[in-house]
Amino acid sequence: RAGIVHRLDKDTSGLMVVARERSIMDALVNLIAQRQVSRQYLALAH
């Protein structure tokens, strides 16, 4: 998947991490699964 380990919806903007090596991809997948990647969003709501 060209190193893509997580997604944002088409109309959501913002930051994504992408692996450049298979070992790094596996490690990032594990970090996400272990909830050790922090992602925060900003939202404007009605």
All heavy atoms as atom14 arrays in JSON, in Angstrom:
{
  "sequence": "RAGIVHRLDKDTSGLMVVARERSIMDALVNLIAQRQVSRQYLALAH",
  "atom14_mask": [
    [1, 1, 1, 1, 1, 1, 1, 1, 1, 1, 1, 0, 0, 0],
    [1, 1, 1, 1, 1, 0, 0, 0, 0, 0, 0, 0, 0, 0],
    [1, 1, 1, 1, 0, 0, 0, 0, 0, 0, 0, 0, 0, 0],
    [1, 1, 1, 1, 1, 1, 1, 1, 0, 0, 0, 0, 0, 0],
    [1, 1, 1, 1, 1, 1, 1, 0, 0, 0, 0, 0, 0, 0],
    [1, 1, 1, 1, 1, 1, 1, 1, 1, 1, 0, 0, 0, 0],
    [1, 1, 1, 1, 1, 1, 1, 1, 1, 1, 1, 0, 0, 0],
    [1, 1, 1, 1, 1, 1, 1, 1, 0, 0, 0, 0, 0, 0],
    [1, 1, 1, 1, 1, 1, 1, 1, 0, 0, 0, 0, 0, 0],
    [1, 1, 1, 1, 1, 1, 1, 1, 1, 0, 0, 0, 0, 0],
    [1, 1, 1, 1, 1, 1, 1, 1, 0, 0, 0, 0, 0, 0],
    [1, 1, 1, 1, 1, 1, 1, 0, 0, 0, 0, 0, 0, 0],
    [1, 1, 1, 1, 1, 1, 0, 0, 0, 0, 0, 0, 0, 0],
    [1, 1, 1, 1, 0, 0, 0, 0, 0, 0, 0, 0, 0, 0],
    [1, 1, 1, 1, 1, 1, 1, 1, 0, 0, 0, 0, 0, 0],
    [1, 1, 1, 1, 1, 1, 1, 1, 0, 0, 0, 0, 0, 0],
    [1, 1, 1, 1, 1, 1, 1, 0, 0, 0, 0, 0, 0, 0],
    [1, 1, 1, 1, 1, 1, 1, 0, 0, 0, 0, 0, 0, 0],
    [1, 1, 1, 1, 1, 0, 0, 0, 0, 0, 0, 0, 0, 0],
    [1, 1, 1, 1, 1, 1, 1, 1, 1, 1, 1, 0, 0, 0],
    [1, 1, 1, 1, 1, 1, 1, 1, 1, 0, 0, 0, 0, 0],
    [1, 1, 1, 1, 1, 1, 1, 1, 1, 1, 1, 0, 0, 0],
    [1, 1, 1, 1, 1, 1, 0, 0, 0, 0, 0, 0, 0, 0],
    [1, 1, 1, 1, 1, 1, 1, 1, 0, 0, 0, 0, 0, 0],
    [1, 1, 1, 1, 1, 1, 1, 1, 0, 0, 0, 0, 0, 0],
    [1, 1, 1, 1, 1, 1, 1, 1, 0, 0, 0, 0, 0, 0],
    [1, 1, 1, 1, 1, 0, 0, 0, 0, 0, 0, 0, 0, 0],
    [1, 1, 1, 1, 1, 1, 1, 1, 0, 0, 0, 0, 0, 0],
    [1, 1, 1, 1, 1, 1, 1, 0, 0, 0, 0, 0, 0, 0],
    [1, 1, 1, 1, 1, 1, 1, 1, 0, 0, 0, 0, 0, 0],
    [1, 1, 1, 1, 1, 1, 1, 1, 0, 0, 0, 0, 0, 0],
    [1, 1, 1, 1, 1, 1, 1, 1, 0, 0, 0, 0, 0, 0],
    [1, 1, 1, 1, 1, 0, 0, 0, 0, 0, 0, 0, 0, 0],
    [1, 1, 1, 1, 1, 1, 1, 1, 1, 0, 0, 0, 0, 0],
    [1, 1, 1, 1, 1, 1, 1, 1, 1, 1, 1, 0, 0, 0],
    [1, 1, 1, 1, 1, 1, 1, 1, 1, 0, 0, 0, 0, 0],
    [1, 1, 1, 1, 1, 1, 1, 0, 0, 0, 0, 0, 0, 0],
    [1, 1, 1, 1, 1, 1, 0, 0, 0, 0, 0, 0, 0, 0],
    [1, 1, 1, 1, 1, 1, 1, 1, 1, 1, 1, 0, 0, 0],
    [1, 1, 1, 1, 1, 1, 1, 1, 1, 0, 0, 0, 0, 0],
    [1, 1, 1, 1, 1, 1, 1, 1, 1, 1, 1, 1, 0, 0],
    [1, 1, 1, 1, 1, 1, 1, 1, 0, 0, 0, 0, 0, 0],
    [1, 1, 1, 1, 1, 0, 0, 0, 0, 0, 0, 0, 0, 0],
    [1, 1, 1, 1, 1, 1, 1, 1, 0, 0, 0, 0, 0, 0],
    [1, 1, 1, 1, 1, 0, 0, 0, 0, 0, 0, 0, 0, 0],
    [1, 1, 1, 1, 1, 1, 1, 1, 1, 1, 0, 0, 0, 0]
  ],
  "atom14_positions": [
    [[0.82, -1.22, 0.0], [0.0, 0.0, 0.0], [0.84, 1.26, 0.0], [0.44, 2.3, 0.5], [-0.96, 0.0, 1.19], [-1.96, -1.14, 1.17], [-2.94, -1.05, 2.32], [-2.31, -1.21, 3.61], [-2.09, -2.39, 4.21], [-2.44, -3.49, 3.6], [-1.53, -2.44, 5.4], [0.0, 0.0, 0.0], [0.0, 0.0, 0.0], [0.0, 0.0, 0.0]],
    [[2.07, 1.16, -0.57], [2.99, 2.3, -0.66], [3.31, 2.88, 0.72], [3.68, 4.04, 0.84], [2.44, 3.38, -1.58], [0.0, 0.0, 0.0], [0.0, 0.0, 0.0], [0.0, 0.0, 0.0], [0.0, 0.0, 0.0], [0.0, 0.0, 0.0], [0.0, 0.0, 0.0], [0.0, 0.0, 0.0], [0.0, 0.0, 0.0], [0.0, 0.0, 0.0]],
    [[3.16, 2.07, 1.77], [3.5, 2.51, 3.12], [2.39, 3.14, 3.9], [2.59, 3.57, 5.04], [0.0, 0.0, 0.0], [0.0, 0.0, 0.0], [0.0, 0.0, 0.0], [0.0, 0.0, 0.0], [0.0, 0.0, 0.0], [0.0, 0.0, 0.0], [0.0, 0.0, 0.0], [0.0, 0.0, 0.0], [0.0, 0.0, 0.0], [0.0, 0.0, 0.0]],
    [[1.19, 3.19, 3.34], [0.05, 3.81, 4.04], [-0.4, 2.91, 5.18], [-0.73, 1.74, 4.96], [-1.11, 4.07, 3.06], [-0.69, 5.1, 2.01], [-2.37, 4.51, 3.79], [-1.66, 5.24, 0.85], [0.0, 0.0, 0.0], [0.0, 0.0, 0.0], [0.0, 0.0, 0.0], [0.0, 0.0, 0.0], [0.0, 0.0, 0.0], [0.0, 0.0, 0.0]],
    [[-0.42, 3.43, 6.39], [-0.79, 2.62, 7.56], [-2.09, 3.09, 8.21], [-2.64, 2.4, 9.08], [0.34, 2.59, 8.61], [1.56, 1.91, 8.06], [0.68, 4.0, 9.1], [0.0, 0.0, 0.0], [0.0, 0.0, 0.0], [0.0, 0.0, 0.0], [0.0, 0.0, 0.0], [0.0, 0.0, 0.0], [0.0, 0.0, 0.0], [0.0, 0.0, 0.0]],
    [[-2.58, 4.26, 7.84], [-3.88, 4.72, 8.34], [-4.44, 5.7, 7.33], [-3.74, 6.15, 6.44], [-3.76, 5.36, 9.74], [-2.99, 6.64, 9.77], [-3.58, 7.88, 9.84], [-1.65, 6.88, 9.72], [-2.65, 8.82, 9.86], [-1.47, 8.24, 9.79], [0.0, 0.0, 0.0], [0.0, 0.0, 0.0], [0.0, 0.0, 0.0], [0.0, 0.0, 0.0]],
    [[-5.7, 6.01, 7.47], [-6.36, 6.83, 6.47], [-7.02, 8.06, 7.07], [-7.31, 8.11, 8.27], [-7.46, 6.03, 5.75], [-6.93, 5.0, 4.81], [-8.09, 4.37, 4.07], [-7.63, 3.34, 3.15], [-8.43, 2.5, 2.52], [-9.73, 2.56, 2.74], [-7.96, 1.61, 1.7], [0.0, 0.0, 0.0], [0.0, 0.0, 0.0], [0.0, 0.0, 0.0]],
    [[-7.28, 9.01, 6.2], [-8.21, 10.1, 6.48], [-9.28, 10.04, 5.39], [-8.99, 9.7, 4.24], [-7.51, 11.46, 6.43], [-6.44, 11.72, 7.49], [-5.79, 13.09, 7.24], [-7.01, 11.67, 8.89], [0.0, 0.0, 0.0], [0.0, 0.0, 0.0], [0.0, 0.0, 0.0], [0.0, 0.0, 0.0], [0.0, 0.0, 0.0], [0.0, 0.0, 0.0]],
    [[-10.51, 10.38, 5.75], [-11.56, 10.46, 4.74], [-11.18, 11.45, 3.66], [-10.4, 12.39, 3.89], [-12.88, 10.9, 5.38], [-13.44, 9.85, 6.33], [-13.13, 8.66, 6.16], [-14.19, 10.25, 7.25], [0.0, 0.0, 0.0], [0.0, 0.0, 0.0], [0.0, 0.0, 0.0], [0.0, 0.0, 0.0], [0.0, 0.0, 0.0], [0.0, 0.0, 0.0]],
    [[-11.75, 11.28, 2.49], [-11.45, 12.16, 1.35], [-11.54, 13.63, 1.73], [-10.66, 14.43, 1.4], [-12.42, 11.85, 0.2], [-12.29, 12.79, -0.98], [-13.32, 12.48, -2.05], [-13.24, 13.47, -3.2], [-14.27, 13.2, -4.24], [0.0, 0.0, 0.0], [0.0, 0.0, 0.0], [0.0, 0.0, 0.0], [0.0, 0.0, 0.0], [0.0, 0.0, 0.0]],
    [[-12.6, 14.03, 2.42], [-12.83, 15.45, 2.69], [-12.3, 15.89, 4.05], [-12.6, 17.0, 4.5], [-14.32, 15.77, 2.57], [-14.79, 15.75, 1.13], [-13.98, 16.05, 0.24], [-15.96, 15.41, 0.89], [0.0, 0.0, 0.0], [0.0, 0.0, 0.0], [0.0, 0.0, 0.0], [0.0, 0.0, 0.0], [0.0, 0.0, 0.0], [0.0, 0.0, 0.0]],
    [[-11.52, 15.05, 4.71], [-10.84, 15.44, 5.94], [-9.41, 15.82, 5.6], [-8.72, 15.08, 4.88], [-10.83, 14.29, 6.97], [-12.18, 13.98, 7.32], [-10.07, 14.67, 8.22], [0.0, 0.0, 0.0], [0.0, 0.0, 0.0], [0.0, 0.0, 0.0], [0.0, 0.0, 0.0], [0.0, 0.0, 0.0], [0.0, 0.0, 0.0], [0.0, 0.0, 0.0]],
    [[-8.96, 16.95, 6.08], [-7.59, 17.39, 5.85], [-6.73, 17.01, 7.05], [-7.24, 16.67, 8.12], [-7.55, 18.91, 5.66], [-8.17, 19.57, 6.76], [0.0, 0.0, 0.0], [0.0, 0.0, 0.0], [0.0, 0.0, 0.0], [0.0, 0.0, 0.0], [0.0, 0.0, 0.0], [0.0, 0.0, 0.0], [0.0, 0.0, 0.0], [0.0, 0.0, 0.0]],
    [[-5.4, 17.06, 6.86], [-4.54, 16.88, 8.01], [-3.4, 15.9, 7.84], [-3.06, 15.48, 6.73], [0.0, 0.0, 0.0], [0.0, 0.0, 0.0], [0.0, 0.0, 0.0], [0.0, 0.0, 0.0], [0.0, 0.0, 0.0], [0.0, 0.0, 0.0], [0.0, 0.0, 0.0], [0.0, 0.0, 0.0], [0.0, 0.0, 0.0], [0.0, 0.0, 0.0]],
    [[-2.82, 15.51, 8.97], [-1.54, 14.8, 9.02], [-1.69, 13.29, 8.93], [-2.57, 12.7, 9.55], [-0.81, 15.16, 10.31], [-0.41, 16.64, 10.45], [0.06, 16.92, 11.86], [0.67, 17.0, 9.43], [0.0, 0.0, 0.0], [0.0, 0.0, 0.0], [0.0, 0.0, 0.0], [0.0, 0.0, 0.0], [0.0, 0.0, 0.0], [0.0, 0.0, 0.0]],
    [[-0.78, 12.67, 8.18], [-0.7, 11.23, 8.06], [0.76, 10.81, 8.07], [1.61, 11.52, 7.52], [-1.33, 10.75, 6.74], [-2.81, 10.98, 6.6], [-3.39, 10.36, 5.0], [-2.9, 8.63, 5.1], [0.0, 0.0, 0.0], [0.0, 0.0, 0.0], [0.0, 0.0, 0.0], [0.0, 0.0, 0.0], [0.0, 0.0, 0.0], [0.0, 0.0, 0.0]],
    [[1.06, 9.66, 8.67], [2.4, 9.1, 8.6], [2.41, 7.97, 7.59], [1.46, 7.2, 7.48], [2.89, 8.61, 9.99], [1.98, 7.53, 10.55], [4.32, 8.1, 9.91], [0.0, 0.0, 0.0], [0.0, 0.0, 0.0], [0.0, 0.0, 0.0], [0.0, 0.0, 0.0], [0.0, 0.0, 0.0], [0.0, 0.0, 0.0], [0.0, 0.0, 0.0]],
    [[3.49, 7.89, 6.81], [3.64, 6.89, 5.76], [5.01, 6.24, 5.9], [6.02, 6.93, 6.03], [3.51, 7.54, 4.36], [3.73, 6.51, 3.27], [2.16, 8.23, 4.19], [0.0, 0.0, 0.0], [0.0, 0.0, 0.0], [0.0, 0.0, 0.0], [0.0, 0.0, 0.0], [0.0, 0.0, 0.0], [0.0, 0.0, 0.0], [0.0, 0.0, 0.0]],
    [[5.04, 4.93, 5.88], [6.31, 4.19, 5.99], [7.02, 4.12, 4.65], [6.39, 4.02, 3.6], [6.06, 2.78, 6.52], [0.0, 0.0, 0.0], [0.0, 0.0, 0.0], [0.0, 0.0, 0.0], [0.0, 0.0, 0.0], [0.0, 0.0, 0.0], [0.0, 0.0, 0.0], [0.0, 0.0, 0.0], [0.0, 0.0, 0.0], [0.0, 0.0, 0.0]],
    [[8.36, 4.13, 4.69], [9.14, 3.98, 3.48], [9.84, 2.62, 3.41], [10.5, 2.32, 2.42], [10.18, 5.09, 3.38], [9.59, 6.5, 3.34], [10.67, 7.54, 3.14], [11.25, 7.45, 1.81], [12.39, 8.04, 1.45], [13.07, 8.75, 2.34], [12.87, 7.92, 0.23], [0.0, 0.0, 0.0], [0.0, 0.0, 0.0], [0.0, 0.0, 0.0]],
    [[9.7, 1.82, 4.46], [10.3, 0.49, 4.5], [9.3, -0.48, 5.11], [8.48, -0.09, 5.95], [11.58, 0.5, 5.36], [12.65, 1.46, 4.88], [13.77, 1.62, 5.9], [13.59, 1.18, 7.06], [14.81, 2.18, 5.55], [0.0, 0.0, 0.0], [0.0, 0.0, 0.0], [0.0, 0.0, 0.0], [0.0, 0.0, 0.0], [0.0, 0.0, 0.0]],
    [[9.39, -1.76, 4.72], [8.44, -2.74, 5.24], [8.57, -2.89, 6.76], [7.57, -2.98, 7.48], [8.67, -4.09, 4.56], [7.76, -5.22, 5.08], [6.3, -4.87, 4.83], [5.4, -5.83, 5.45], [4.83, -6.85, 4.81], [5.07, -7.05, 3.53], [4.01, -7.66, 5.42], [0.0, 0.0, 0.0], [0.0, 0.0, 0.0], [0.0, 0.0, 0.0]],
    [[9.81, -2.9, 7.28], [9.98, -3.07, 8.72], [9.39, -1.9, 9.49], [8.81, -2.08, 10.56], [11.47, -3.23, 9.06], [12.2, -2.08, 8.68], [0.0, 0.0, 0.0], [0.0, 0.0, 0.0], [0.0, 0.0, 0.0], [0.0, 0.0, 0.0], [0.0, 0.0, 0.0], [0.0, 0.0, 0.0], [0.0, 0.0, 0.0], [0.0, 0.0, 0.0]],
    [[9.51, -0.7, 8.93], [8.95, 0.49, 9.58], [7.43, 0.45, 9.5], [6.72, 0.81, 10.45], [9.5, 1.77, 8.95], [11.01, 1.85, 9.16], [8.81, 3.0, 9.52], [11.44, 1.9, 10.62], [0.0, 0.0, 0.0], [0.0, 0.0, 0.0], [0.0, 0.0, 0.0], [0.0, 0.0, 0.0], [0.0, 0.0, 0.0], [0.0, 0.0, 0.0]],
    [[6.89, -0.02, 8.38], [5.44, -0.16, 8.27], [4.91, -1.11, 9.33], [3.92, -0.82, 10.02], [5.06, -0.65, 6.87], [3.56, -0.78, 6.67], [3.15, -1.24, 4.98], [1.37, -0.91, 5.0], [0.0, 0.0, 0.0], [0.0, 0.0, 0.0], [0.0, 0.0, 0.0], [0.0, 0.0, 0.0], [0.0, 0.0, 0.0], [0.0, 0.0, 0.0]],
    [[5.57, -2.26, 9.48], [5.14, -3.23, 10.49], [5.19, -2.62, 11.88], [4.3, -2.84, 12.71], [6.0, -4.49, 10.42], [5.8, -5.28, 9.13], [4.77, -5.06, 8.46], [6.67, -6.1, 8.8], [0.0, 0.0, 0.0], [0.0, 0.0, 0.0], [0.0, 0.0, 0.0], [0.0, 0.0, 0.0], [0.0, 0.0, 0.0], [0.0, 0.0, 0.0]],
    [[6.25, -1.84, 12.14], [6.39, -1.22, 13.46], [5.32, -0.18, 13.7], [4.75, -0.08, 14.8], [7.78, -0.58, 13.6], [0.0, 0.0, 0.0], [0.0, 0.0, 0.0], [0.0, 0.0, 0.0], [0.0, 0.0, 0.0], [0.0, 0.0, 0.0], [0.0, 0.0, 0.0], [0.0, 0.0, 0.0], [0.0, 0.0, 0.0], [0.0, 0.0, 0.0]],
    [[4.99, 0.62, 12.68], [3.94, 1.64, 12.83], [2.57, 0.99, 13.02], [1.76, 1.46, 13.82], [3.93, 2.56, 11.6], [5.08, 3.55, 11.5], [5.08, 4.24, 10.14], [4.99, 4.6, 12.61], [0.0, 0.0, 0.0], [0.0, 0.0, 0.0], [0.0, 0.0, 0.0], [0.0, 0.0, 0.0], [0.0, 0.0, 0.0], [0.0, 0.0, 0.0]],
    [[2.33, -0.08, 12.27], [1.07, -0.81, 12.45], [0.94, -1.29, 13.89], [-0.12, -1.19, 14.51], [0.98, -1.99, 11.46], [-0.15, -2.94, 11.84], [0.79, -1.48, 10.04], [0.0, 0.0, 0.0], [0.0, 0.0, 0.0], [0.0, 0.0, 0.0], [0.0, 0.0, 0.0], [0.0, 0.0, 0.0], [0.0, 0.0, 0.0], [0.0, 0.0, 0.0]],
    [[2.04, -1.79, 14.43], [2.02, -2.26, 15.81], [1.81, -1.11, 16.8], [1.05, -1.25, 17.77], [3.33, -2.98, 16.13], [3.33, -3.59, 17.51], [2.51, -4.44, 17.83], [4.24, -3.15, 18.36], [0.0, 0.0, 0.0], [0.0, 0.0, 0.0], [0.0, 0.0, 0.0], [0.0, 0.0, 0.0], [0.0, 0.0, 0.0], [0.0, 0.0, 0.0]],
    [[2.44, 0.04, 16.55], [2.25, 1.2, 17.42], [0.79, 1.64, 17.42], [0.23, 1.97, 18.47], [3.15, 2.36, 16.98], [4.63, 2.25, 17.27], [5.38, 3.44, 16.67], [4.9, 2.17, 18.77], [0.0, 0.0, 0.0], [0.0, 0.0, 0.0], [0.0, 0.0, 0.0], [0.0, 0.0, 0.0], [0.0, 0.0, 0.0], [0.0, 0.0, 0.0]],
    [[0.18, 1.64, 16.24], [-1.23, 2.03, 16.15], [-2.1, 1.02, 16.88], [-3.01, 1.39, 17.64], [-1.66, 2.17, 14.68], [-0.93, 3.36, 14.03], [-3.16, 2.35, 14.56], [-1.14, 3.48, 12.54], [0.0, 0.0, 0.0], [0.0, 0.0, 0.0], [0.0, 0.0, 0.0], [0.0, 0.0, 0.0], [0.0, 0.0, 0.0], [0.0, 0.0, 0.0]],
    [[-1.81, -0.26, 16.68], [-2.6, -1.29, 17.35], [-2.46, -1.21, 18.86], [-3.42, -1.49, 19.6], [-2.16, -2.68, 16.86], [0.0, 0.0, 0.0], [0.0, 0.0, 0.0], [0.0, 0.0, 0.0], [0.0, 0.0, 0.0], [0.0, 0.0, 0.0], [0.0, 0.0, 0.0], [0.0, 0.0, 0.0], [0.0, 0.0, 0.0], [0.0, 0.0, 0.0]],
    [[-1.29, -0.79, 19.34], [-1.05, -0.65, 20.77], [-1.49, 0.72, 21.3], [-1.26, 1.04, 22.46], [0.44, -0.86, 21.07], [0.96, -2.24, 20.73], [0.28, -3.33, 21.53], [0.04, -3.18, 22.72], [-0.04, -4.45, 20.87], [0.0, 0.0, 0.0], [0.0, 0.0, 0.0], [0.0, 0.0, 0.0], [0.0, 0.0, 0.0], [0.0, 0.0, 0.0]],
    [[-2.09, 1.52, 20.44], [-2.58, 2.85, 20.8], [-1.47, 3.77, 21.3], [-1.63, 4.51, 22.27], [-3.71, 2.75, 21.83], [-4.88, 1.9, 21.32], [-6.03, 1.86, 22.29], [-7.09, 1.0, 21.77], [-8.23, 0.77, 22.4], [-8.45, 1.33, 23.57], [-9.13, -0.02, 21.88], [0.0, 0.0, 0.0], [0.0, 0.0, 0.0], [0.0, 0.0, 0.0]],
    [[-0.34, 3.7, 20.59], [0.8, 4.54, 20.93], [1.08, 5.59, 19.87], [2.14, 6.2, 19.87], [2.02, 3.65, 21.17], [1.89, 2.74, 22.38], [3.07, 1.84, 22.58], [4.08, 1.94, 21.89], [2.95, 0.91, 23.51], [0.0, 0.0, 0.0], [0.0, 0.0, 0.0], [0.0, 0.0, 0.0], [0.0, 0.0, 0.0], [0.0, 0.0, 0.0]],
    [[0.13, 5.79, 18.97], [0.19, 6.9, 18.02], [-0.94, 7.84, 18.37], [-2.11, 7.46, 18.36], [0.05, 6.41, 16.56], [-0.01, 7.59, 15.6], [1.22, 5.5, 16.2], [0.0, 0.0, 0.0], [0.0, 0.0, 0.0], [0.0, 0.0, 0.0], [0.0, 0.0, 0.0], [0.0, 0.0, 0.0], [0.0, 0.0, 0.0], [0.0, 0.0, 0.0]],
    [[-0.59, 9.06, 18.72], [-1.58, 10.05, 19.15], [-2.04, 10.88, 17.95], [-1.21, 11.47, 17.25], [-0.97, 10.97, 20.22], [-1.87, 12.0, 20.55], [0.0, 0.0, 0.0], [0.0, 0.0, 0.0], [0.0, 0.0, 0.0], [0.0, 0.0, 0.0], [0.0, 0.0, 0.0], [0.0, 0.0, 0.0], [0.0, 0.0, 0.0], [0.0, 0.0, 0.0]],
    [[-3.37, 10.9, 17.75], [-3.93, 11.71, 16.66], [-5.05, 12.58, 17.23], [-5.99, 12.06, 17.84], [-4.47, 10.83, 15.54], [-3.39, 10.16, 14.7], [-3.95, 9.47, 13.49], [-4.63, 8.24, 13.84], [-5.39, 7.56, 12.99], [-5.6, 8.02, 11.76], [-5.97, 6.45, 13.36], [0.0, 0.0, 0.0], [0.0, 0.0, 0.0], [0.0, 0.0, 0.0]],
    [[-4.95, 13.87, 17.03], [-5.99, 14.79, 17.49], [-6.52, 15.59, 16.31], [-5.78, 15.92, 15.37], [-5.43, 15.73, 18.55], [-5.13, 15.02, 19.88], [-4.7, 16.0, 20.96], [-3.85, 16.86, 20.74], [-5.28, 15.86, 22.14], [0.0, 0.0, 0.0], [0.0, 0.0, 0.0], [0.0, 0.0, 0.0], [0.0, 0.0, 0.0], [0.0, 0.0, 0.0]],
    [[-7.8, 15.9, 16.4], [-8.51, 16.57, 15.32], [-9.17, 17.84, 15.84], [-9.43, 17.98, 17.03], [-9.61, 15.66, 14.75], [-9.12, 14.41, 14.06], [-8.54, 13.36, 14.78], [-9.26, 14.25, 12.69], [-8.11, 12.2, 14.15], [-8.85, 13.09, 12.05], [-8.27, 12.08, 12.78], [-7.85, 10.93, 12.17], [0.0, 0.0, 0.0], [0.0, 0.0, 0.0]],
    [[-9.48, 18.73, 14.91], [-10.3, 19.91, 15.18], [-11.55, 19.82, 14.33], [-11.48, 19.47, 13.14], [-9.53, 21.19, 14.86], [-8.29, 21.43, 15.73], [-7.45, 22.58, 15.14], [-8.68, 21.74, 17.16], [0.0, 0.0, 0.0], [0.0, 0.0, 0.0], [0.0, 0.0, 0.0], [0.0, 0.0, 0.0], [0.0, 0.0, 0.0], [0.0, 0.0, 0.0]],
    [[-12.7, 20.13, 14.93], [-13.97, 20.01, 14.22], [-14.83, 21.23, 14.48], [-14.88, 21.75, 15.6], [-14.7, 18.75, 14.68], [0.0, 0.0, 0.0], [0.0, 0.0, 0.0], [0.0, 0.0, 0.0], [0.0, 0.0, 0.0], [0.0, 0.0, 0.0], [0.0, 0.0, 0.0], [0.0, 0.0, 0.0], [0.0, 0.0, 0.0], [0.0, 0.0, 0.0]],
    [[-15.51, 21.66, 13.44], [-16.51, 22.74, 13.55], [-17.88, 22.1, 13.38], [-18.15, 21.45, 12.37], [-16.27, 23.81, 12.47], [-17.25, 24.97, 12.47], [-17.17, 25.77, 13.77], [-16.99, 25.89, 11.27], [0.0, 0.0, 0.0], [0.0, 0.0, 0.0], [0.0, 0.0, 0.0], [0.0, 0.0, 0.0], [0.0, 0.0, 0.0], [0.0, 0.0, 0.0]],
    [[-18.73, 22.29, 14.39], [-20.01, 21.58, 14.39], [-21.17, 22.54, 14.62], [-21.0, 23.65, 15.13], [-20.01, 20.51, 15.49], [0.0, 0.0, 0.0], [0.0, 0.0, 0.0], [0.0, 0.0, 0.0], [0.0, 0.0, 0.0], [0.0, 0.0, 0.0], [0.0, 0.0, 0.0], [0.0, 0.0, 0.0], [0.0, 0.0, 0.0], [0.0, 0.0, 0.0]],
    [[-22.34, 22.08, 14.24], [-23.55, 22.87, 14.41], [-24.02, 22.88, 15.86], [-23.74, 21.96, 16.63], [-24.66, 22.3, 13.52], [-24.43, 22.54, 12.06], [-24.75, 23.71, 11.44], [-23.89, 21.74, 11.1], [-24.43, 23.63, 10.14], [-23.91, 22.44, 9.92], [0.0, 0.0, 0.0], [0.0, 0.0, 0.0], [0.0, 0.0, 0.0], [0.0, 0.0, 0.0]]
  ]
}
